[in-house]
């Protein structure tokens, strides 16, 4: 089993537990250059809010999107956008990625700006 398959297996396990809770989930995906976050509605798979390092509003302030500072900016943006959509409580879906570095920075910034998980 290679690295990607192991990550996807971990992600599948986590999402199965989140499905049983029936709540919005904050799904995070990262690549070496960018990080993406989405708030997904339970059951429907509709995206309620999203933010990434590719957003024009964030891109000006961030510069390079593959660092902890960029992840924190995306976390702040997703928290603000989810509050505007009326979502304050979510389950954190790290998509099988380890909880450190950019993933942790995004989660901490989202918590500081009003998201509960």
PDB file of N, CA and C in Angstrom:
ATOM      1  N   UNK A   1       0.850  -1.179   0.000  1.00  0.00           N
ATOM      2  CA  UNK A   1       0.000   0.000   0.000  1.00  0.00           C
ATOM      3  C   UNK A   1       0.894   1.240   0.000  1.00  0.00           C
ATOM      4  N   UNK A   2       0.645   2.117  -0.934  1.00  0.00           N
ATOM      5  CA  UNK A   2       1.469   3.321  -0.997  1.00  0.00           C
ATOM      6  C   UNK A   2       0.894   4.419  -0.106  1.00  0.00           C
ATOM      7  N   UNK A   3       1.585   5.543  -0.091  1.00  0.00           N
ATOM      8  CA  UNK A   3       1.258   6.649   0.795  1.00  0.00           C
ATOM      9  C   UNK A   3      -0.149   7.211   0.548  1.00  0.00           C
ATOM     10  N   UNK A   4      -0.504   7.364  -0.715  1.00  0.00           N
ATOM     11  CA  UNK A   4      -1.810   7.935  -1.046  1.00  0.00           C
ATOM     12  C   UNK A   4      -2.943   6.992  -0.655  1.00  0.00           C
ATOM     13  N   UNK A   5      -2.785   5.716  -0.916  1.00  0.00           N
ATOM     14  CA  UNK A   5      -3.823   4.754  -0.545  1.00  0.00           C
ATOM     15  C   UNK A   5      -4.017   4.693   0.963  1.00  0.00           C
ATOM     16  N   UNK A   6      -2.934   4.791   1.713  1.00  0.00           N
ATOM     17  CA  UNK A   6      -3.042   4.799   3.167  1.00  0.00           C
ATOM     18  C   UNK A   6      -3.804   6.026   3.647  1.00  0.00           C
ATOM     19  N   UNK A   7      -3.515   7.174   3.064  1.00  0.00           N
ATOM     20  CA  UNK A   7      -4.212   8.405   3.439  1.00  0.00           C
ATOM     21  C   UNK A   7      -5.698   8.311   3.120  1.00  0.00           C
ATOM     22  N   UNK A   8      -6.035   7.792   1.948  1.00  0.00           N
ATOM     23  CA  UNK A   8      -7.434   7.672   1.556  1.00  0.00           C
ATOM     24  C   UNK A   8      -8.184   6.675   2.446  1.00  0.00           C
ATOM     25  N   UNK A   9      -7.499   5.632   2.892  1.00  0.00           N
ATOM     26  CA  UNK A   9      -8.113   4.667   3.808  1.00  0.00           C
ATOM     27  C   UNK A   9      -8.412   5.326   5.140  1.00  0.00           C
ATOM     28  N   UNK A  10      -7.472   6.134   5.644  1.00  0.00           N
ATOM     29  CA  UNK A  10      -7.704   6.865   6.900  1.00  0.00           C
ATOM     30  C   UNK A  10      -8.865   7.851   6.739  1.00  0.00           C
ATOM     31  N   UNK A  11      -8.926   8.511   5.587  1.00  0.00           N
ATOM     32  CA  UNK A  11      -9.991   9.488   5.330  1.00  0.00           C
ATOM     33  C   UNK A  11     -11.350   8.798   5.298  1.00  0.00           C
ATOM     34  N   UNK A  12     -11.409   7.642   4.684  1.00  0.00           N
ATOM     35  CA  UNK A  12     -12.659   6.895   4.579  1.00  0.00           C
ATOM     36  C   UNK A  12     -13.189   6.507   5.956  1.00  0.00           C
ATOM     37  N   UNK A  13     -12.294   6.088   6.822  1.00  0.00           N
ATOM     38  CA  UNK A  13     -12.669   5.702   8.186  1.00  0.00           C
ATOM     39  C   UNK A  13     -13.241   6.892   8.953  1.00  0.00           C
ATOM     40  N   UNK A  14     -12.576   8.023   8.839  1.00  0.00           N
ATOM     41  CA  UNK A  14     -13.030   9.228   9.544  1.00  0.00           C
ATOM     42  C   UNK A  14     -14.365   9.726   9.026  1.00  0.00           C
ATOM     43  N   UNK A  15     -14.562   9.682   7.718  1.00  0.00           N
ATOM     44  CA  UNK A  15     -15.811  10.166   7.136  1.00  0.00           C
ATOM     45  C   UNK A  15     -16.990   9.271   7.502  1.00  0.00           C
ATOM     46  N   UNK A  16     -16.733   7.983   7.672  1.00  0.00           N
ATOM     47  CA  UNK A  16     -17.804   7.068   8.081  1.00  0.00           C
ATOM     48  C   UNK A  16     -18.317   7.442   9.465  1.00  0.00           C
ATOM     49  N   UNK A  17     -17.420   7.836  10.352  1.00  0.00           N
ATOM     50  CA  UNK A  17     -17.844   8.259  11.688  1.00  0.00           C
ATOM     51  C   UNK A  17     -18.585   9.586  11.637  1.00  0.00           C
ATOM     52  N   UNK A  18     -18.163  10.491  10.752  1.00  0.00           N
ATOM     53  CA  UNK A  18     -18.820  11.795  10.639  1.00  0.00           C
ATOM     54  C   UNK A  18     -20.224  11.672  10.066  1.00  0.00           C
ATOM     55  N   UNK A  19     -20.418  10.709   9.155  1.00  0.00           N
ATOM     56  CA  UNK A  19     -21.738  10.504   8.570  1.00  0.00           C
ATOM     57  C   UNK A  19     -22.758  10.132   9.641  1.00  0.00           C
ATOM     58  N   UNK A  20     -22.326   9.354  10.627  1.00  0.00           N
ATOM     59  CA  UNK A  20     -23.250   8.934  11.676  1.00  0.00           C
ATOM     60  C   UNK A  20     -23.638  10.088  12.591  1.00  0.00           C
ATOM     61  N   UNK A  21     -22.803  11.123  12.684  1.00  0.00           N
ATOM     62  CA  UNK A  21     -23.101  12.277  13.543  1.00  0.00           C
ATOM     63  C   UNK A  21     -24.082  13.251  12.905  1.00  0.00           C
ATOM     64  N   UNK A  22     -24.237  13.205  11.571  1.00  0.00           N
ATOM     65  CA  UNK A  22     -25.169  14.071  10.859  1.00  0.00           C
ATOM     66  C   UNK A  22     -24.959  15.553  11.155  1.00  0.00           C
ATOM     67  N   UNK A  23     -23.754  16.030  10.949  1.00  0.00           N
ATOM     68  CA  UNK A  23     -23.483  17.455  11.120  1.00  0.00           C
ATOM     69  C   UNK A  23     -22.618  17.953   9.964  1.00  0.00           C
ATOM     70  N   UNK A  24     -22.546  19.269   9.805  1.00  0.00           N
ATOM     71  CA  UNK A  24     -21.699  19.849   8.760  1.00  0.00           C
ATOM     72  C   UNK A  24     -20.258  19.419   9.016  1.00  0.00           C
ATOM     73  N   UNK A  25     -19.481  19.278   7.933  1.00  0.00           N
ATOM     74  CA  UNK A  25     -18.072  18.931   8.112  1.00  0.00           C
ATOM     75  C   UNK A  25     -17.182  19.925   7.390  1.00  0.00           C
ATOM     76  N   UNK A  26     -16.067  20.205   8.033  1.00  0.00           N
ATOM     77  CA  UNK A  26     -15.044  21.072   7.461  1.00  0.00           C
ATOM     78  C   UNK A  26     -14.012  20.157   6.821  1.00  0.00           C
ATOM     79  N   UNK A  27     -14.067  20.055   5.511  1.00  0.00           N
ATOM     80  CA  UNK A  27     -13.171  19.171   4.773  1.00  0.00           C
ATOM     81  C   UNK A  27     -11.961  19.968   4.290  1.00  0.00           C
ATOM     82  N   UNK A  28     -10.773  19.418   4.536  1.00  0.00           N
ATOM     83  CA  UNK A  28      -9.524  20.094   4.187  1.00  0.00           C
ATOM     84  C   UNK A  28      -8.732  19.218   3.219  1.00  0.00           C
ATOM     85  N   UNK A  29      -8.178  19.834   2.198  1.00  0.00           N
ATOM     86  CA  UNK A  29      -7.285  19.133   1.269  1.00  0.00           C
ATOM     87  C   UNK A  29      -6.049  19.996   1.076  1.00  0.00           C
ATOM     88  N   UNK A  30      -4.895  19.361   1.015  1.00  0.00           N
ATOM     89  CA  UNK A  30      -3.673  20.136   0.807  1.00  0.00           C
ATOM     90  C   UNK A  30      -2.838  19.520  -0.304  1.00  0.00           C
ATOM     91  N   UNK A  31      -2.143  20.389  -0.998  1.00  0.00           N
ATOM     92  CA  UNK A  31      -1.160  20.001  -1.998  1.00  0.00           C
ATOM     93  C   UNK A  31       0.119  20.729  -1.606  1.00  0.00           C
ATOM     94  N   UNK A  32       1.224  20.443  -2.236  1.00  0.00           N
ATOM     95  CA  UNK A  32       2.447  21.163  -1.860  1.00  0.00           C
ATOM     96  C   UNK A  32       2.372  22.683  -2.021  1.00  0.00           C
ATOM     97  N   UNK A  33       1.552  23.166  -2.938  1.00  0.00           N
ATOM     98  CA  UNK A  33       1.491  24.613  -3.186  1.00  0.00           C
ATOM     99  C   UNK A  33       0.256  25.307  -2.640  1.00  0.00           C
ATOM    100  N   UNK A  34      -0.823  24.567  -2.346  1.00  0.00           N
ATOM    101  CA  UNK A  34      -2.073  25.194  -1.950  1.00  0.00           C
ATOM    102  C   UNK A  34      -2.772  24.394  -0.859  1.00  0.00           C
ATOM    103  N   UNK A  35      -3.779  25.017  -0.230  1.00  0.00           N
ATOM    104  CA  UNK A  35      -4.625  24.344   0.741  1.00  0.00           C
ATOM    105  C   UNK A  35      -6.061  24.805   0.497  1.00  0.00           C
ATOM    106  N   UNK A  36      -6.983  23.867   0.598  1.00  0.00           N
ATOM    107  CA  UNK A  36      -8.382  24.114   0.290  1.00  0.00           C
ATOM    108  C   UNK A  36      -9.234  23.685   1.480  1.00  0.00           C
ATOM    109  N   UNK A  37     -10.326  24.408   1.755  1.00  0.00           N
ATOM    110  CA  UNK A  37     -11.247  24.058   2.834  1.00  0.00           C
ATOM    111  C   UNK A  37     -12.676  24.276   2.353  1.00  0.00           C
ATOM    112  N   UNK A  38     -13.559  23.332   2.734  1.00  0.00           N
ATOM    113  CA  UNK A  38     -14.968  23.427   2.370  1.00  0.00           C
ATOM    114  C   UNK A  38     -15.826  23.047   3.563  1.00  0.00           C
ATOM    115  N   UNK A  39     -16.954  23.709   3.725  1.00  0.00           N
ATOM    116  CA  UNK A  39     -17.973  23.303   4.678  1.00  0.00           C
ATOM    117  C   UNK A  39     -19.033  22.570   3.862  1.00  0.00           C
ATOM    118  N   UNK A  40     -19.257  21.291   4.182  1.00  0.00           N
ATOM    119  CA  UNK A  40     -20.168  20.446   3.421  1.00  0.00           C
ATOM    120  C   UNK A  40     -21.368  20.100   4.292  1.00  0.00           C
ATOM    121  N   UNK A  41     -22.571  20.249   3.730  1.00  0.00           N
ATOM    122  CA  UNK A  41     -23.809  19.966   4.454  1.00  0.00           C
ATOM    123  C   UNK A  41     -23.962  18.459   4.652  1.00  0.00           C
ATOM    124  N   UNK A  42     -24.568  18.039   5.765  1.00  0.00           N
ATOM    125  CA  UNK A  42     -24.723  16.608   6.022  1.00  0.00           C
ATOM    126  C   UNK A  42     -25.746  15.966   5.083  1.00  0.00           C
ATOM    127  N   UNK A  43     -25.409  14.798   4.582  1.00  0.00           N
ATOM    128  CA  UNK A  43     -26.320  14.031   3.754  1.00  0.00           C
ATOM    129  C   UNK A  43     -26.446  14.510   2.323  1.00  0.00           C
ATOM    130  N   UNK A  44     -26.484  15.798   2.107  1.00  0.00           N
ATOM    131  CA  UNK A  44     -26.738  16.341   0.781  1.00  0.00           C
ATOM    132  C   UNK A  44     -25.478  16.481  -0.066  1.00  0.00           C
ATOM    133  N   UNK A  45     -24.341  16.590   0.556  1.00  0.00           N
ATOM    134  CA  UNK A  45     -23.070  16.840  -0.131  1.00  0.00           C
ATOM    135  C   UNK A  45     -23.059  18.182  -0.851  1.00  0.00           C
ATOM    136  N   UNK A  46     -23.799  19.146  -0.328  1.00  0.00           N
ATOM    137  CA  UNK A  46     -23.770  20.501  -0.874  1.00  0.00           C
ATOM    138  C   UNK A  46     -22.705  21.310  -0.152  1.00  0.00           C
ATOM    139  N   UNK A  47     -21.939  22.084  -0.909  1.00  0.00           N
ATOM    140  CA  UNK A  47     -20.916  22.936  -0.328  1.00  0.00           C
ATOM    141  C   UNK A  47     -21.573  24.232   0.144  1.00  0.00           C
ATOM    142  N   UNK A  48     -21.481  24.490   1.451  1.00  0.00           N
ATOM    143  CA  UNK A  48     -22.082  25.673   2.051  1.00  0.00           C
ATOM    144  C   UNK A  48     -21.142  26.862   1.938  1.00  0.00           C
ATOM    145  N   UNK A  49     -19.842  26.631   2.190  1.00  0.00           N
ATOM    146  CA  UNK A  49     -18.839  27.694   2.113  1.00  0.00           C
ATOM    147  C   UNK A  49     -17.509  27.068   1.720  1.00  0.00           C
ATOM    148  N   UNK A  50     -16.655  27.854   1.084  1.00  0.00           N
ATOM    149  CA  UNK A  50     -15.337  27.343   0.722  1.00  0.00           C
ATOM    150  C   UNK A  50     -14.313  28.470   0.747  1.00  0.00           C
ATOM    151  N   UNK A  51     -13.062  28.087   0.922  1.00  0.00           N
ATOM    152  CA  UNK A  51     -11.945  29.032   0.886  1.00  0.00           C
ATOM    153  C   UNK A  51     -10.697  28.265   0.483  1.00  0.00           C
ATOM    154  N   UNK A  52      -9.805  28.924  -0.192  1.00  0.00           N
ATOM    155  CA  UNK A  52      -8.539  28.292  -0.562  1.00  0.00           C
ATOM    156  C   UNK A  52      -7.499  29.368  -0.829  1.00  0.00           C
ATOM    157  N   UNK A  53      -6.276  28.929  -1.005  1.00  0.00           N
ATOM    158  CA  UNK A  53      -5.202  29.871  -1.304  1.00  0.00           C
ATOM    159  C   UNK A  53      -5.303  30.396  -2.734  1.00  0.00           C
ATOM    160  N   UNK A  54      -6.221  29.848  -3.515  1.00  0.00           N
ATOM    161  CA  UNK A  54      -6.427  30.321  -4.883  1.00  0.00           C
ATOM    162  C   UNK A  54      -7.455  31.434  -4.978  1.00  0.00           C
ATOM    163  N   UNK A  55      -8.179  31.724  -3.890  1.00  0.00           N
ATOM    164  CA  UNK A  55      -9.153  32.821  -3.883  1.00  0.00           C
ATOM    165  C   UNK A  55      -8.449  34.136  -4.179  1.00  0.00           C
ATOM    166  N   UNK A  56      -9.057  34.935  -5.031  1.00  0.00           N
ATOM    167  CA  UNK A  56      -8.440  36.208  -5.411  1.00  0.00           C
ATOM    168  C   UNK A  56      -8.277  37.141  -4.216  1.00  0.00           C
ATOM    169  N   UNK A  57      -9.249  37.122  -3.309  1.00  0.00           N
ATOM    170  CA  UNK A  57      -9.173  37.999  -2.137  1.00  0.00           C
ATOM    171  C   UNK A  57      -8.016  37.611  -1.224  1.00  0.00           C
ATOM    172  N   UNK A  58      -7.751  36.328  -1.096  1.00  0.00           N
ATOM    173  CA  UNK A  58      -6.679  35.855  -0.217  1.00  0.00           C
ATOM    174  C   UNK A  58      -5.318  35.863  -0.894  1.00  0.00           C
ATOM    175  N   UNK A  59      -5.315  35.624  -2.192  1.00  0.00           N
ATOM    176  CA  UNK A  59      -4.057  35.482  -2.925  1.00  0.00           C
ATOM    177  C   UNK A  59      -3.176  36.728  -2.822  1.00  0.00           C
ATOM    178  N   UNK A  60      -3.802  37.894  -2.785  1.00  0.00           N
ATOM    179  CA  UNK A  60      -3.054  39.157  -2.703  1.00  0.00           C
ATOM    180  C   UNK A  60      -2.279  39.236  -1.389  1.00  0.00           C
ATOM    181  N   UNK A  61      -2.928  38.850  -0.290  1.00  0.00           N
ATOM    182  CA  UNK A  61      -2.301  38.946   1.029  1.00  0.00           C
ATOM    183  C   UNK A  61      -1.320  37.819   1.300  1.00  0.00           C
ATOM    184  N   UNK A  62      -1.597  36.632   0.755  1.00  0.00           N
ATOM    185  CA  UNK A  62      -0.821  35.436   1.102  1.00  0.00           C
ATOM    186  C   UNK A  62       0.513  35.365   0.367  1.00  0.00           C
ATOM    187  N   UNK A  63       0.476  35.542  -0.931  1.00  0.00           N
ATOM    188  CA  UNK A  63       1.684  35.306  -1.722  1.00  0.00           C
ATOM    189  C   UNK A  63       1.802  33.821  -2.020  1.00  0.00           C
ATOM    190  N   UNK A  64       2.751  33.153  -1.398  1.00  0.00           N
ATOM    191  CA  UNK A  64       2.936  31.715  -1.599  1.00  0.00           C
ATOM    192  C   UNK A  64       1.925  30.953  -0.750  1.00  0.00           C
ATOM    193  N   UNK A  65       1.235  29.993  -1.337  1.00  0.00           N
ATOM    194  CA  UNK A  65       0.149  29.301  -0.649  1.00  0.00           C
ATOM    195  C   UNK A  65       0.520  28.022   0.054  1.00  0.00           C
ATOM    196  N   UNK A  66       1.774  27.629   0.074  1.00  0.00           N
ATOM    197  CA  UNK A  66       2.148  26.352   0.640  1.00  0.00           C
ATOM    198  C   UNK A  66       2.807  26.449   1.996  1.00  0.00           C
ATOM    199  N   UNK A  67       2.444  27.448   2.810  1.00  0.00           N
ATOM    200  CA  UNK A  67       3.075  27.563   4.123  1.00  0.00           C
ATOM    201  C   UNK A  67       2.017  27.708   5.225  1.00  0.00           C
ATOM    202  N   UNK A  68       2.457  27.722   6.470  1.00  0.00           N
ATOM    203  CA  UNK A  68       1.560  27.765   7.622  1.00  0.00           C
ATOM    204  C   UNK A  68       0.781  29.083   7.671  1.00  0.00           C
ATOM    205  N   UNK A  69       1.394  30.177   7.293  1.00  0.00           N
ATOM    206  CA  UNK A  69       0.706  31.471   7.305  1.00  0.00           C
ATOM    207  C   UNK A  69      -0.469  31.479   6.327  1.00  0.00           C
ATOM    208  N   UNK A  70      -0.281  30.879   5.174  1.00  0.00           N
ATOM    209  CA  UNK A  70      -1.359  30.797   4.188  1.00  0.00           C
ATOM    210  C   UNK A  70      -2.494  29.920   4.710  1.00  0.00           C
ATOM    211  N   UNK A  71      -2.153  28.826   5.368  1.00  0.00           N
ATOM    212  CA  UNK A  71      -3.169  27.930   5.931  1.00  0.00           C
ATOM    213  C   UNK A  71      -3.978  28.644   7.010  1.00  0.00           C
ATOM    214  N   UNK A  72      -3.322  29.453   7.821  1.00  0.00           N
ATOM    215  CA  UNK A  72      -4.024  30.196   8.861  1.00  0.00           C
ATOM    216  C   UNK A  72      -4.975  31.223   8.237  1.00  0.00           C
ATOM    217  N   UNK A  73      -4.574  31.850   7.152  1.00  0.00           N
ATOM    218  CA  UNK A  73      -5.444  32.815   6.469  1.00  0.00           C
ATOM    219  C   UNK A  73      -6.671  32.122   5.890  1.00  0.00           C
ATOM    220  N   UNK A  74      -6.492  30.923   5.354  1.00  0.00           N
ATOM    221  CA  UNK A  74      -7.617  30.155   4.818  1.00  0.00           C
ATOM    222  C   UNK A  74      -8.545  29.730   5.956  1.00  0.00           C
ATOM    223  N   UNK A  75      -7.988  29.352   7.095  1.00  0.00           N
ATOM    224  CA  UNK A  75      -8.800  28.990   8.260  1.00  0.00           C
ATOM    225  C   UNK A  75      -9.658  30.146   8.734  1.00  0.00           C
ATOM    226  N   UNK A  76      -9.077  31.326   8.752  1.00  0.00           N
ATOM    227  CA  UNK A  76      -9.823  32.523   9.159  1.00  0.00           C
ATOM    228  C   UNK A  76     -10.941  32.818   8.160  1.00  0.00           C
ATOM    229  N   UNK A  77     -10.642  32.700   6.875  1.00  0.00           N
ATOM    230  CA  UNK A  77     -11.626  32.979   5.829  1.00  0.00           C
ATOM    231  C   UNK A  77     -12.783  31.982   5.858  1.00  0.00           C
ATOM    232  N   UNK A  78     -12.476  30.704   6.049  1.00  0.00           N
ATOM    233  CA  UNK A  78     -13.552  29.699   6.054  1.00  0.00           C
ATOM    234  C   UNK A  78     -14.441  29.882   7.278  1.00  0.00           C
ATOM    235  N   UNK A  79     -13.882  30.299   8.400  1.00  0.00           N
ATOM    236  CA  UNK A  79     -14.687  30.538   9.595  1.00  0.00           C
ATOM    237  C   UNK A  79     -15.642  31.708   9.374  1.00  0.00           C
ATOM    238  N   UNK A  80     -15.149  32.776   8.769  1.00  0.00           N
ATOM    239  CA  UNK A  80     -15.993  33.946   8.500  1.00  0.00           C
ATOM    240  C   UNK A  80     -17.106  33.608   7.517  1.00  0.00           C
ATOM    241  N   UNK A  81     -16.771  32.874   6.461  1.00  0.00           N
ATOM    242  CA  UNK A  81     -17.760  32.530   5.441  1.00  0.00           C
ATOM    243  C   UNK A  81     -18.797  31.548   5.976  1.00  0.00           C
ATOM    244  N   UNK A  82     -18.399  30.656   6.844  1.00  0.00           N
ATOM    245  CA  UNK A  82     -19.364  29.708   7.400  1.00  0.00           C
ATOM    246  C   UNK A  82     -20.316  30.406   8.365  1.00  0.00           C
ATOM    247  N   UNK A  83     -19.807  31.391   9.125  1.00  0.00           N
ATOM    248  CA  UNK A  83     -20.690  32.155  10.013  1.00  0.00           C
ATOM    249  C   UNK A  83     -21.715  32.940   9.208  1.00  0.00           C
ATOM    250  N   UNK A  84     -21.304  33.463   8.057  1.00  0.00           N
ATOM    251  CA  UNK A  84     -22.243  34.178   7.189  1.00  0.00           C
ATOM    252  C   UNK A  84     -23.323  33.238   6.651  1.00  0.00           C
ATOM    253  N   UNK A  85     -22.963  31.969   6.460  1.00  0.00           N
ATOM    254  CA  UNK A  85     -23.922  30.977   5.972  1.00  0.00           C
ATOM    255  C   UNK A  85     -24.759  30.387   7.099  1.00  0.00           C
ATOM    256  N   UNK A  86     -24.454  30.752   8.341  1.00  0.00           N
ATOM    257  CA  UNK A  86     -25.232  30.281   9.474  1.00  0.00           C
ATOM    258  C   UNK A  86     -24.749  28.983  10.093  1.00  0.00           C
ATOM    259  N   UNK A  87     -23.505  28.599   9.817  1.00  0.00           N
ATOM    260  CA  UNK A  87     -22.947  27.359  10.371  1.00  0.00           C
ATOM    261  C   UNK A  87     -21.866  27.730  11.382  1.00  0.00           C
ATOM    262  N   UNK A  88     -22.027  27.248  12.624  1.00  0.00           N
ATOM    263  CA  UNK A  88     -21.022  27.527  13.646  1.00  0.00           C
ATOM    264  C   UNK A  88     -20.402  26.261  14.213  1.00  0.00           C
ATOM    265  N   UNK A  89     -21.071  25.114  14.051  1.00  0.00           N
ATOM    266  CA  UNK A  89     -20.578  23.853  14.608  1.00  0.00           C
ATOM    267  C   UNK A  89     -20.336  22.867  13.472  1.00  0.00           C
ATOM    268  N   UNK A  90     -19.113  22.330  13.398  1.00  0.00           N
ATOM    269  CA  UNK A  90     -18.741  21.402  12.324  1.00  0.00           C
ATOM    270  C   UNK A  90     -17.929  20.240  12.877  1.00  0.00           C
ATOM    271  N   UNK A  91     -17.790  19.209  12.064  1.00  0.00           N
ATOM    272  CA  UNK A  91     -16.865  18.112  12.343  1.00  0.00           C
ATOM    273  C   UNK A  91     -15.650  18.338  11.453  1.00  0.00           C
ATOM    274  N   UNK A  92     -14.456  18.141  11.982  1.00  0.00           N
ATOM    275  CA  UNK A  92     -13.228  18.419  11.228  1.00  0.00           C
ATOM    276  C   UNK A  92     -12.793  17.191  10.449  1.00  0.00           C
ATOM    277  N   UNK A  93     -12.837  17.289   9.122  1.00  0.00           N
ATOM    278  CA  UNK A  93     -12.432  16.203   8.228  1.00  0.00           C
ATOM    279  C   UNK A  93     -11.063  16.560   7.661  1.00  0.00           C
ATOM    280  N   UNK A  94     -10.028  15.947   8.191  1.00  0.00           N
ATOM    281  CA  UNK A  94      -8.671  16.269   7.757  1.00  0.00           C
ATOM    282  C   UNK A  94      -8.251  15.468   6.528  1.00  0.00           C
ATOM    283  N   UNK A  95      -9.154  14.670   5.970  1.00  0.00           N
ATOM    284  CA  UNK A  95      -8.936  13.894   4.737  1.00  0.00           C
ATOM    285  C   UNK A  95      -7.758  12.939   4.839  1.00  0.00           C
ATOM    286  N   UNK A  96      -7.508  12.423   6.013  1.00  0.00           N
ATOM    287  CA  UNK A  96      -6.434  11.457   6.200  1.00  0.00           C
ATOM    288  C   UNK A  96      -5.062  12.062   6.393  1.00  0.00           C
ATOM    289  N   UNK A  97      -4.943  13.380   6.299  1.00  0.00           N
ATOM    290  CA  UNK A  97      -3.653  14.030   6.505  1.00  0.00           C
ATOM    291  C   UNK A  97      -3.345  14.078   8.000  1.00  0.00           C
ATOM    292  N   UNK A  98      -2.073  14.042   8.347  1.00  0.00           N
ATOM    293  CA  UNK A  98      -1.680  14.120   9.751  1.00  0.00           C
ATOM    294  C   UNK A  98      -2.022  15.494  10.309  1.00  0.00           C
ATOM    295  N   UNK A  99      -2.391  15.514  11.587  1.00  0.00           N
ATOM    296  CA  UNK A  99      -2.811  16.767  12.224  1.00  0.00           C
ATOM    297  C   UNK A  99      -1.587  17.494  12.763  1.00  0.00           C
ATOM    298  N   UNK A 100      -0.875  18.149  11.880  1.00  0.00           N
ATOM    299  CA  UNK A 100       0.256  19.001  12.254  1.00  0.00           C
ATOM    300  C   UNK A 100       0.544  19.929  11.096  1.00  0.00           C
ATOM    301  N   UNK A 101       1.374  20.907  11.328  1.00  0.00           N
ATOM    302  CA  UNK A 101       1.764  21.832  10.269  1.00  0.00           C
ATOM    303  C   UNK A 101       0.607  22.651   9.750  1.00  0.00           C
ATOM    304  N   UNK A 102       0.390  22.594   8.430  1.00  0.00           N
ATOM    305  CA  UNK A 102      -0.626  23.429   7.795  1.00  0.00           C
ATOM    306  C   UNK A 102      -2.046  23.031   8.183  1.00  0.00           C
ATOM    307  N   UNK A 103      -2.292  21.739   8.367  1.00  0.00           N
ATOM    308  CA  UNK A 103      -3.625  21.279   8.759  1.00  0.00           C
ATOM    309  C   UNK A 103      -3.964  21.818  10.146  1.00  0.00           C
ATOM    310  N   UNK A 104      -3.015  21.744  11.055  1.00  0.00           N
ATOM    311  CA  UNK A 104      -3.227  22.244  12.410  1.00  0.00           C
ATOM    312  C   UNK A 104      -3.397  23.761  12.410  1.00  0.00           C
ATOM    313  N   UNK A 105      -2.614  24.469  11.612  1.00  0.00           N
ATOM    314  CA  UNK A 105      -2.720  25.932  11.541  1.00  0.00           C
ATOM    315  C   UNK A 105      -4.093  26.357  11.038  1.00  0.00           C
ATOM    316  N   UNK A 106      -4.607  25.657  10.034  1.00  0.00           N
ATOM    317  CA  UNK A 106      -5.933  25.966   9.512  1.00  0.00           C
ATOM    318  C   UNK A 106      -6.994  25.713  10.582  1.00  0.00           C
ATOM    319  N   UNK A 107      -6.905  24.597  11.282  1.00  0.00           N
ATOM    320  CA  UNK A 107      -7.886  24.263  12.321  1.00  0.00           C
ATOM    321  C   UNK A 107      -7.844  25.266  13.467  1.00  0.00           C
ATOM    322  N   UNK A 108      -6.660  25.631  13.908  1.00  0.00           N
ATOM    323  CA  UNK A 108      -6.531  26.587  15.011  1.00  0.00           C
ATOM    324  C   UNK A 108      -7.097  27.957  14.628  1.00  0.00           C
ATOM    325  N   UNK A 109      -6.819  28.408  13.406  1.00  0.00           N
ATOM    326  CA  UNK A 109      -7.332  29.698  12.952  1.00  0.00           C
ATOM    327  C   UNK A 109      -8.853  29.674  12.834  1.00  0.00           C
ATOM    328  N   UNK A 110      -9.406  28.564  12.375  1.00  0.00           N
ATOM    329  CA  UNK A 110     -10.867  28.444  12.267  1.00  0.00           C
ATOM    330  C   UNK A 110     -11.510  28.472  13.639  1.00  0.00           C
ATOM    331  N   UNK A 111     -10.898  27.807  14.616  1.00  0.00           N
ATOM    332  CA  UNK A 111     -11.417  27.809  15.998  1.00  0.00           C
ATOM    333  C   UNK A 111     -11.360  29.216  16.598  1.00  0.00           C
ATOM    334  N   UNK A 112     -10.257  29.907  16.388  1.00  0.00           N
ATOM    335  CA  UNK A 112     -10.093  31.251  16.935  1.00  0.00           C
ATOM    336  C   UNK A 112     -11.109  32.235  16.356  1.00  0.00           C
ATOM    337  N   UNK A 113     -11.586  31.957  15.162  1.00  0.00           N
ATOM    338  CA  UNK A 113     -12.519  32.875  14.506  1.00  0.00           C
ATOM    339  C   UNK A 113     -13.963  32.411  14.563  1.00  0.00           C
ATOM    340  N   UNK A 114     -14.277  31.499  15.477  1.00  0.00           N
ATOM    341  CA  UNK A 114     -15.683  31.213  15.750  1.00  0.00           C
ATOM    342  C   UNK A 114     -16.233  29.852  15.386  1.00  0.00           C
ATOM    343  N   UNK A 115     -15.486  29.002  14.704  1.00  0.00           N
ATOM    344  CA  UNK A 115     -15.993  27.666  14.394  1.00  0.00           C
ATOM    345  C   UNK A 115     -15.775  26.747  15.603  1.00  0.00           C
ATOM    346  N   UNK A 116     -16.736  25.899  15.886  1.00  0.00           N
ATOM    347  CA  UNK A 116     -16.620  24.945  16.982  1.00  0.00           C
ATOM    348  C   UNK A 116     -16.498  23.537  16.423  1.00  0.00           C
ATOM    349  N   UNK A 117     -15.440  22.835  16.837  1.00  0.00           N
ATOM    350  CA  UNK A 117     -15.282  21.403  16.515  1.00  0.00           C
ATOM    351  C   UNK A 117     -14.324  20.760  17.461  1.00  0.00           C
TER     352      UNK A 117
END
